[in-house]
Amino acid sequence: MEDHDYLREAYEALKRADHLYYVSLKYARTVDVMRTILERLEDALTALLLAIIQHEVEAGKRDAFPESKPEQARAILSLDEAYQPLVQRRLFLRRLLRAPYTREREFRKAVTMIATLDGEPVHVTTETVKDYIDEVKEAFQHIYEEIRGVDDDIRFF
Protein backbone atom coordinates (compact mmCIF):
# COMPACT_ATOMS: atom_id res chain seq x y z
CA MET A 1 0.00 0.00 0.00
CA GLU A 2 1.25 3.50 -0.73
CA ASP A 3 1.05 6.49 1.58
CA HIS A 4 -1.70 8.07 -0.50
CA ASP A 5 -3.81 4.90 -0.06
CA TYR A 6 -3.68 5.39 3.71
CA LEU A 7 -4.47 9.07 3.24
CA ARG A 8 -7.51 8.14 1.15
CA GLU A 9 -8.59 5.67 3.84
CA ALA A 10 -8.25 8.37 6.51
CA TYR A 11 -10.19 10.83 4.37
CA GLU A 12 -13.04 8.37 3.84
CA ALA A 13 -13.23 7.63 7.58
CA LEU A 14 -13.35 11.37 8.30
CA LYS A 15 -16.10 11.86 5.73
CA ARG A 16 -18.15 9.13 7.41
CA ALA A 17 -17.56 10.67 10.85
CA ASP A 18 -18.60 14.08 9.53
CA HIS A 19 -21.76 12.67 7.99
CA LEU A 20 -22.60 10.78 11.16
CA TYR A 21 -22.17 13.95 13.20
CA TYR A 22 -24.13 16.34 10.99
CA VAL A 23 -26.87 13.96 9.82
CA SER A 24 -27.25 10.85 11.96
CA LEU A 25 -26.52 12.41 15.35
CA LYS A 26 -28.81 15.33 14.52
CA TYR A 27 -31.79 13.00 14.19
CA ALA A 28 -30.91 10.01 16.37
CA ARG A 29 -29.17 11.68 19.35
CA THR A 30 -27.96 8.41 20.82
CA VAL A 31 -24.74 7.25 22.42
CA ASP A 32 -24.52 4.50 19.80
CA VAL A 33 -24.14 7.09 17.05
CA MET A 34 -21.54 8.94 19.13
CA ARG A 35 -19.57 5.73 19.61
CA THR A 36 -19.68 5.04 15.88
CA ILE A 37 -18.27 8.52 15.23
CA LEU A 38 -15.48 7.86 17.74
CA GLU A 39 -14.73 4.55 15.98
CA ARG A 40 -14.45 6.34 12.61
CA LEU A 41 -12.12 8.92 14.18
CA GLU A 42 -9.92 6.15 15.57
CA ASP A 43 -9.88 4.55 12.10
CA ALA A 44 -8.88 7.88 10.54
CA LEU A 45 -6.07 8.43 13.04
CA THR A 46 -4.78 4.90 12.54
CA ALA A 47 -4.72 5.38 8.77
CA LEU A 48 -2.97 8.76 9.17
CA LEU A 49 -0.28 7.26 11.36
CA LEU A 50 0.21 4.36 8.94
CA ALA A 51 0.49 6.90 6.10
CA ILE A 52 3.29 8.60 8.02
CA ILE A 53 5.12 5.29 8.50
CA GLN A 54 4.65 4.37 4.82
CA HIS A 55 5.96 7.80 3.81
CA GLU A 56 9.04 7.25 6.00
CA VAL A 57 9.61 3.89 4.29
CA GLU A 58 9.28 5.46 0.85
CA ALA A 59 11.65 8.28 1.87
CA GLY A 60 14.23 5.75 3.08
CA LYS A 61 13.96 6.67 6.77
CA ARG A 62 12.71 3.16 7.67
CA ASP A 63 13.78 -0.21 6.33
CA ALA A 64 10.38 -1.77 5.75
CA PHE A 65 6.72 -1.30 6.50
CA PRO A 66 5.67 -3.39 9.51
CA GLU A 67 3.30 -6.16 8.44
CA SER A 68 1.73 -7.31 11.70
CA LYS A 69 -0.54 -5.19 13.88
CA PRO A 70 1.78 -5.36 16.93
CA GLU A 71 4.75 -4.26 14.80
CA GLN A 72 2.67 -1.42 13.36
CA ALA A 73 1.67 -0.38 16.89
CA ARG A 74 5.33 -0.31 17.96
CA ALA A 75 6.23 1.69 14.85
CA ILE A 76 3.44 4.18 15.60
CA LEU A 77 4.63 4.58 19.18
CA SER A 78 8.18 5.19 17.96
CA LEU A 79 7.17 8.05 15.65
CA ASP A 80 8.75 11.47 15.93
CA GLU A 81 7.75 13.72 18.85
CA ALA A 82 5.75 15.91 16.48
CA TYR A 83 3.25 13.07 15.98
CA GLN A 84 2.91 12.13 19.65
CA PRO A 85 -0.33 14.14 20.15
CA LEU A 86 -1.93 12.10 17.35
CA VAL A 87 -0.67 8.87 18.87
CA GLN A 88 -2.01 9.93 22.29
CA ARG A 89 -5.42 10.92 20.83
CA ARG A 90 -5.67 7.57 19.04
CA LEU A 91 -4.79 5.68 22.23
CA PHE A 92 -7.29 7.78 24.20
CA LEU A 93 -10.08 7.05 21.71
CA ARG A 94 -9.22 3.35 21.78
CA ARG A 95 -9.36 3.28 25.59
CA LEU A 96 -12.57 5.33 25.58
CA LEU A 97 -14.28 2.91 23.22
CA ARG A 98 -13.24 -0.10 25.31
CA ALA A 99 -14.18 1.45 28.67
CA PRO A 100 -17.46 0.72 30.43
CA TYR A 101 -19.92 3.52 29.86
CA THR A 102 -23.38 4.80 30.70
CA ARG A 103 -25.82 6.88 28.72
CA GLU A 104 -27.29 10.15 29.80
CA ARG A 105 -29.91 12.42 28.22
CA GLU A 106 -30.30 10.30 25.10
CA PHE A 107 -32.70 11.61 22.46
CA ARG A 108 -32.06 15.14 23.69
CA LYS A 109 -29.69 17.81 22.51
CA ALA A 110 -27.21 17.20 25.33
CA VAL A 111 -26.75 13.44 24.81
CA THR A 112 -23.79 12.33 26.90
CA MET A 113 -21.70 9.19 27.14
CA ILE A 114 -20.02 8.77 30.51
CA ALA A 115 -17.08 6.37 30.28
CA THR A 116 -14.98 5.27 33.22
CA LEU A 117 -11.23 5.53 32.57
CA ASP A 118 -8.83 4.74 35.42
CA GLY A 119 -11.69 5.05 37.89
CA GLU A 120 -12.55 8.57 36.73
CA PRO A 121 -15.66 9.50 34.73
CA VAL A 122 -15.08 11.01 31.29
CA HIS A 123 -18.07 12.92 29.91
CA VAL A 124 -18.33 12.83 26.13
CA THR A 125 -20.93 15.22 24.74
CA THR A 126 -21.86 16.20 21.20
CA GLU A 127 -19.63 19.25 21.59
CA THR A 128 -16.72 17.07 22.68
CA VAL A 129 -17.22 14.84 19.65
CA LYS A 130 -17.23 17.91 17.40
CA ASP A 131 -13.93 19.04 18.94
CA TYR A 132 -12.43 15.60 18.27
CA ILE A 133 -13.62 15.72 14.65
CA ASP A 134 -12.11 19.17 14.14
CA GLU A 135 -8.83 18.06 15.70
CA VAL A 136 -8.54 15.03 13.41
CA LYS A 137 -9.51 17.09 10.35
CA GLU A 138 -6.78 19.59 11.14
CA ALA A 139 -4.26 16.77 11.61
CA PHE A 140 -5.34 15.21 8.32
CA GLN A 141 -4.86 18.47 6.43
CA HIS A 142 -1.43 18.99 7.99
CA ILE A 143 -0.23 15.45 7.29
CA TYR A 144 -1.64 15.49 3.76
CA GLU A 145 0.28 18.67 3.02
CA GLU A 146 3.42 17.23 4.61
CA ILE A 147 3.27 14.00 2.61
CA ARG A 148 1.79 15.11 -0.69
CA GLY A 149 3.03 18.68 -0.74
CA VAL A 150 1.34 22.00 -0.13
CA ASP A 151 -1.34 22.95 -2.62
CA ASP A 152 -3.39 26.00 -1.79
CA ASP A 153 -6.25 24.77 -3.98
CA ILE A 154 -6.80 21.64 -1.89
CA ARG A 155 -8.87 22.09 1.25
CA PHE A 156 -10.66 18.96 2.27
CA PHE A 157 -12.88 20.30 5.01
C-alpha atoms as a PDB file:
ATOM      1  CA  MET A   1       0.000   0.000   0.000  1.00  0.00           C
ATOM      2  CA  GLU A   2       1.252   3.502  -0.726  1.00  0.00           C
ATOM      3  CA  ASP A   3       1.049   6.487   1.582  1.00  0.00           C
ATOM      4  CA  HIS A   4      -1.701   8.068  -0.503  1.00  0.00           C
ATOM      5  CA  ASP A   5      -3.813   4.902  -0.057  1.00  0.00           C
ATOM      6  CA  TYR A   6      -3.679   5.389   3.706  1.00  0.00           C
ATOM      7  CA  LEU A   7      -4.471   9.072   3.237  1.00  0.00           C
ATOM      8  CA  ARG A   8      -7.514   8.142   1.150  1.00  0.00           C
ATOM      9  CA  GLU A   9      -8.588   5.665   3.836  1.00  0.00           C
ATOM     10  CA  ALA A  10      -8.249   8.372   6.510  1.00  0.00           C
ATOM     11  CA  TYR A  11     -10.190  10.835   4.371  1.00  0.00           C
ATOM     12  CA  GLU A  12     -13.036   8.366   3.844  1.00  0.00           C
ATOM     13  CA  ALA A  13     -13.227   7.630   7.580  1.00  0.00           C
ATOM     14  CA  LEU A  14     -13.353  11.371   8.297  1.00  0.00           C
ATOM     15  CA  LYS A  15     -16.104  11.862   5.727  1.00  0.00           C
ATOM     16  CA  ARG A  16     -18.148   9.130   7.409  1.00  0.00           C
ATOM     17  CA  ALA A  17     -17.563  10.668  10.848  1.00  0.00           C
ATOM     18  CA  ASP A  18     -18.595  14.078   9.528  1.00  0.00           C
ATOM     19  CA  HIS A  19     -21.762  12.666   7.993  1.00  0.00           C
ATOM     20  CA  LEU A  20     -22.602  10.777  11.165  1.00  0.00           C
ATOM     21  CA  TYR A  21     -22.166  13.950  13.196  1.00  0.00           C
ATOM     22  CA  TYR A  22     -24.128  16.336  10.988  1.00  0.00           C
ATOM     23  CA  VAL A  23     -26.867  13.961   9.820  1.00  0.00           C
ATOM     24  CA  SER A  24     -27.252  10.849  11.960  1.00  0.00           C
ATOM     25  CA  LEU A  25     -26.522  12.409  15.346  1.00  0.00           C
ATOM     26  CA  LYS A  26     -28.806  15.330  14.524  1.00  0.00           C
ATOM     27  CA  TYR A  27     -31.793  12.999  14.193  1.00  0.00           C
ATOM     28  CA  ALA A  28     -30.912  10.012  16.371  1.00  0.00           C
ATOM     29  CA  ARG A  29     -29.173  11.678  19.350  1.00  0.00           C
ATOM     30  CA  THR A  30     -27.956   8.409  20.822  1.00  0.00           C
ATOM     31  CA  VAL A  31     -24.739   7.250  22.419  1.00  0.00           C
ATOM     32  CA  ASP A  32     -24.518   4.497  19.801  1.00  0.00           C
ATOM     33  CA  VAL A  33     -24.141   7.091  17.050  1.00  0.00           C
ATOM     34  CA  MET A  34     -21.539   8.940  19.131  1.00  0.00           C
ATOM     35  CA  ARG A  35     -19.573   5.730  19.610  1.00  0.00           C
ATOM     36  CA  THR A  36     -19.682   5.037  15.879  1.00  0.00           C
ATOM     37  CA  ILE A  37     -18.273   8.517  15.232  1.00  0.00           C
ATOM     38  CA  LEU A  38     -15.476   7.860  17.740  1.00  0.00           C
ATOM     39  CA  GLU A  39     -14.727   4.553  15.985  1.00  0.00           C
ATOM     40  CA  ARG A  40     -14.453   6.339  12.614  1.00  0.00           C
ATOM     41  CA  LEU A  41     -12.116   8.917  14.180  1.00  0.00           C
ATOM     42  CA  GLU A  42      -9.921   6.152  15.568  1.00  0.00           C
ATOM     43  CA  ASP A  43      -9.883   4.551  12.099  1.00  0.00           C
ATOM     44  CA  ALA A  44      -8.882   7.878  10.545  1.00  0.00           C
ATOM     45  CA  LEU A  45      -6.074   8.429  13.045  1.00  0.00           C
ATOM     46  CA  THR A  46      -4.779   4.895  12.543  1.00  0.00           C
ATOM     47  CA  ALA A  47      -4.725   5.385   8.767  1.00  0.00           C
ATOM     48  CA  LEU A  48      -2.972   8.759   9.165  1.00  0.00           C
ATOM     49  CA  LEU A  49      -0.278   7.255  11.363  1.00  0.00           C
ATOM     50  CA  LEU A  50       0.213   4.362   8.940  1.00  0.00           C
ATOM     51  CA  ALA A  51       0.491   6.896   6.100  1.00  0.00           C
ATOM     52  CA  ILE A  52       3.294   8.598   8.015  1.00  0.00           C
ATOM     53  CA  ILE A  53       5.117   5.286   8.498  1.00  0.00           C
ATOM     54  CA  GLN A  54       4.653   4.375   4.816  1.00  0.00           C
ATOM     55  CA  HIS A  55       5.963   7.799   3.812  1.00  0.00           C
ATOM     56  CA  GLU A  56       9.043   7.254   5.997  1.00  0.00           C
ATOM     57  CA  VAL A  57       9.614   3.893   4.291  1.00  0.00           C
ATOM     58  CA  GLU A  58       9.281   5.462   0.848  1.00  0.00           C
ATOM     59  CA  ALA A  59      11.647   8.281   1.867  1.00  0.00           C
ATOM     60  CA  GLY A  60      14.234   5.750   3.085  1.00  0.00           C
ATOM     61  CA  LYS A  61      13.963   6.673   6.765  1.00  0.00           C
ATOM     62  CA  ARG A  62      12.715   3.158   7.670  1.00  0.00           C
ATOM     63  CA  ASP A  63      13.784  -0.205   6.326  1.00  0.00           C
ATOM     64  CA  ALA A  64      10.381  -1.774   5.752  1.00  0.00           C
ATOM     65  CA  PHE A  65       6.720  -1.296   6.504  1.00  0.00           C
ATOM     66  CA  PRO A  66       5.669  -3.394   9.508  1.00  0.00           C
ATOM     67  CA  GLU A  67       3.300  -6.157   8.442  1.00  0.00           C
ATOM     68  CA  SER A  68       1.732  -7.308  11.697  1.00  0.00           C
ATOM     69  CA  LYS A  69      -0.542  -5.185  13.876  1.00  0.00           C
ATOM     70  CA  PRO A  70       1.782  -5.364  16.930  1.00  0.00           C
ATOM     71  CA  GLU A  71       4.748  -4.256  14.805  1.00  0.00           C
ATOM     72  CA  GLN A  72       2.667  -1.421  13.365  1.00  0.00           C
ATOM     73  CA  ALA A  73       1.674  -0.380  16.889  1.00  0.00           C
ATOM     74  CA  ARG A  74       5.329  -0.311  17.960  1.00  0.00           C
ATOM     75  CA  ALA A  75       6.233   1.687  14.851  1.00  0.00           C
ATOM     76  CA  ILE A  76       3.443   4.178  15.596  1.00  0.00           C
ATOM     77  CA  LEU A  77       4.627   4.575  19.178  1.00  0.00           C
ATOM     78  CA  SER A  78       8.181   5.192  17.965  1.00  0.00           C
ATOM     79  CA  LEU A  79       7.172   8.048  15.654  1.00  0.00           C
ATOM     80  CA  ASP A  80       8.750  11.474  15.930  1.00  0.00           C
ATOM     81  CA  GLU A  81       7.750  13.716  18.855  1.00  0.00           C
ATOM     82  CA  ALA A  82       5.750  15.913  16.480  1.00  0.00           C
ATOM     83  CA  TYR A  83       3.252  13.074  15.982  1.00  0.00           C
ATOM     84  CA  GLN A  84       2.906  12.131  19.649  1.00  0.00           C
ATOM     85  CA  PRO A  85      -0.333  14.141  20.150  1.00  0.00           C
ATOM     86  CA  LEU A  86      -1.930  12.105  17.352  1.00  0.00           C
ATOM     87  CA  VAL A  87      -0.665   8.874  18.870  1.00  0.00           C
ATOM     88  CA  GLN A  88      -2.009   9.929  22.289  1.00  0.00           C
ATOM     89  CA  ARG A  89      -5.416  10.916  20.829  1.00  0.00           C
ATOM     90  CA  ARG A  90      -5.673   7.574  19.042  1.00  0.00           C
ATOM     91  CA  LEU A  91      -4.795   5.675  22.225  1.00  0.00           C
ATOM     92  CA  PHE A  92      -7.288   7.780  24.198  1.00  0.00           C
ATOM     93  CA  LEU A  93     -10.082   7.049  21.712  1.00  0.00           C
ATOM     94  CA  ARG A  94      -9.222   3.352  21.777  1.00  0.00           C
ATOM     95  CA  ARG A  95      -9.356   3.278  25.592  1.00  0.00           C
ATOM     96  CA  LEU A  96     -12.566   5.332  25.583  1.00  0.00           C
ATOM     97  CA  LEU A  97     -14.280   2.908  23.221  1.00  0.00           C
ATOM     98  CA  ARG A  98     -13.242  -0.100  25.311  1.00  0.00           C
ATOM     99  CA  ALA A  99     -14.179   1.455  28.671  1.00  0.00           C
ATOM    100  CA  PRO A 100     -17.456   0.722  30.433  1.00  0.00           C
ATOM    101  CA  TYR A 101     -19.922   3.523  29.864  1.00  0.00           C
ATOM    102  CA  THR A 102     -23.378   4.797  30.702  1.00  0.00           C
ATOM    103  CA  ARG A 103     -25.820   6.880  28.715  1.00  0.00           C
ATOM    104  CA  GLU A 104     -27.290  10.148  29.805  1.00  0.00           C
ATOM    105  CA  ARG A 105     -29.914  12.418  28.216  1.00  0.00           C
ATOM    106  CA  GLU A 106     -30.298  10.301  25.102  1.00  0.00           C
ATOM    107  CA  PHE A 107     -32.703  11.609  22.460  1.00  0.00           C
ATOM    108  CA  ARG A 108     -32.062  15.138  23.688  1.00  0.00           C
ATOM    109  CA  LYS A 109     -29.691  17.814  22.508  1.00  0.00           C
ATOM    110  CA  ALA A 110     -27.206  17.197  25.327  1.00  0.00           C
ATOM    111  CA  VAL A 111     -26.753  13.445  24.806  1.00  0.00           C
ATOM    112  CA  THR A 112     -23.785  12.325  26.905  1.00  0.00           C
ATOM    113  CA  MET A 113     -21.695   9.187  27.143  1.00  0.00           C
ATOM    114  CA  ILE A 114     -20.017   8.766  30.514  1.00  0.00           C
ATOM    115  CA  ALA A 115     -17.081   6.375  30.278  1.00  0.00           C
ATOM    116  CA  THR A 116     -14.975   5.273  33.218  1.00  0.00           C
ATOM    117  CA  LEU A 117     -11.227   5.527  32.573  1.00  0.00           C
ATOM    118  CA  ASP A 118      -8.833   4.742  35.419  1.00  0.00           C
ATOM    119  CA  GLY A 119     -11.688   5.046  37.893  1.00  0.00           C
ATOM    120  CA  GLU A 120     -12.552   8.567  36.734  1.00  0.00           C
ATOM    121  CA  PRO A 121     -15.661   9.501  34.725  1.00  0.00           C
ATOM    122  CA  VAL A 122     -15.077  11.009  31.289  1.00  0.00           C
ATOM    123  CA  HIS A 123     -18.071  12.919  29.908  1.00  0.00           C
ATOM    124  CA  VAL A 124     -18.329  12.834  26.129  1.00  0.00           C
ATOM    125  CA  THR A 125     -20.932  15.218  24.735  1.00  0.00           C
ATOM    126  CA  THR A 126     -21.862  16.196  21.197  1.00  0.00           C
ATOM    127  CA  GLU A 127     -19.631  19.253  21.587  1.00  0.00           C
ATOM    128  CA  THR A 128     -16.718  17.070  22.681  1.00  0.00           C
ATOM    129  CA  VAL A 129     -17.223  14.839  19.652  1.00  0.00           C
ATOM    130  CA  LYS A 130     -17.234  17.907  17.396  1.00  0.00           C
ATOM    131  CA  ASP A 131     -13.935  19.039  18.938  1.00  0.00           C
ATOM    132  CA  TYR A 132     -12.428  15.596  18.273  1.00  0.00           C
ATOM    133  CA  ILE A 133     -13.616  15.718  14.648  1.00  0.00           C
ATOM    134  CA  ASP A 134     -12.112  19.171  14.145  1.00  0.00           C
ATOM    135  CA  GLU A 135      -8.826  18.060  15.701  1.00  0.00           C
ATOM    136  CA  VAL A 136      -8.544  15.030  13.413  1.00  0.00           C
ATOM    137  CA  LYS A 137      -9.510  17.092  10.350  1.00  0.00           C
ATOM    138  CA  GLU A 138      -6.780  19.587  11.137  1.00  0.00           C
ATOM    139  CA  ALA A 139      -4.256  16.771  11.607  1.00  0.00           C
ATOM    140  CA  PHE A 140      -5.338  15.205   8.318  1.00  0.00           C
ATOM    141  CA  GLN A 141      -4.860  18.473   6.431  1.00  0.00           C
ATOM    142  CA  HIS A 142      -1.434  18.987   7.994  1.00  0.00           C
ATOM    143  CA  ILE A 143      -0.226  15.451   7.286  1.00  0.00           C
ATOM    144  CA  TYR A 144      -1.640  15.490   3.762  1.00  0.00           C
ATOM    145  CA  GLU A 145       0.282  18.674   3.015  1.00  0.00           C
ATOM    146  CA  GLU A 146       3.422  17.226   4.613  1.00  0.00           C
ATOM    147  CA  ILE A 147       3.273  14.000   2.613  1.00  0.00           C
ATOM    148  CA  ARG A 148       1.786  15.105  -0.692  1.00  0.00           C
ATOM    149  CA  GLY A 149       3.035  18.682  -0.736  1.00  0.00           C
ATOM    150  CA  VAL A 150       1.336  22.003  -0.132  1.00  0.00           C
ATOM    151  CA  ASP A 151      -1.339  22.945  -2.621  1.00  0.00           C
ATOM    152  CA  ASP A 152      -3.390  26.004  -1.789  1.00  0.00           C
ATOM    153  CA  ASP A 153      -6.252  24.771  -3.977  1.00  0.00           C
ATOM    154  CA  ILE A 154      -6.799  21.641  -1.887  1.00  0.00           C
ATOM    155  CA  ARG A 155      -8.868  22.092   1.254  1.00  0.00           C
ATOM    156  CA  PHE A 156     -10.664  18.960   2.270  1.00  0.00           C
ATOM    157  CA  PHE A 157     -12.879  20.302   5.006  1.00  0.00           C
END
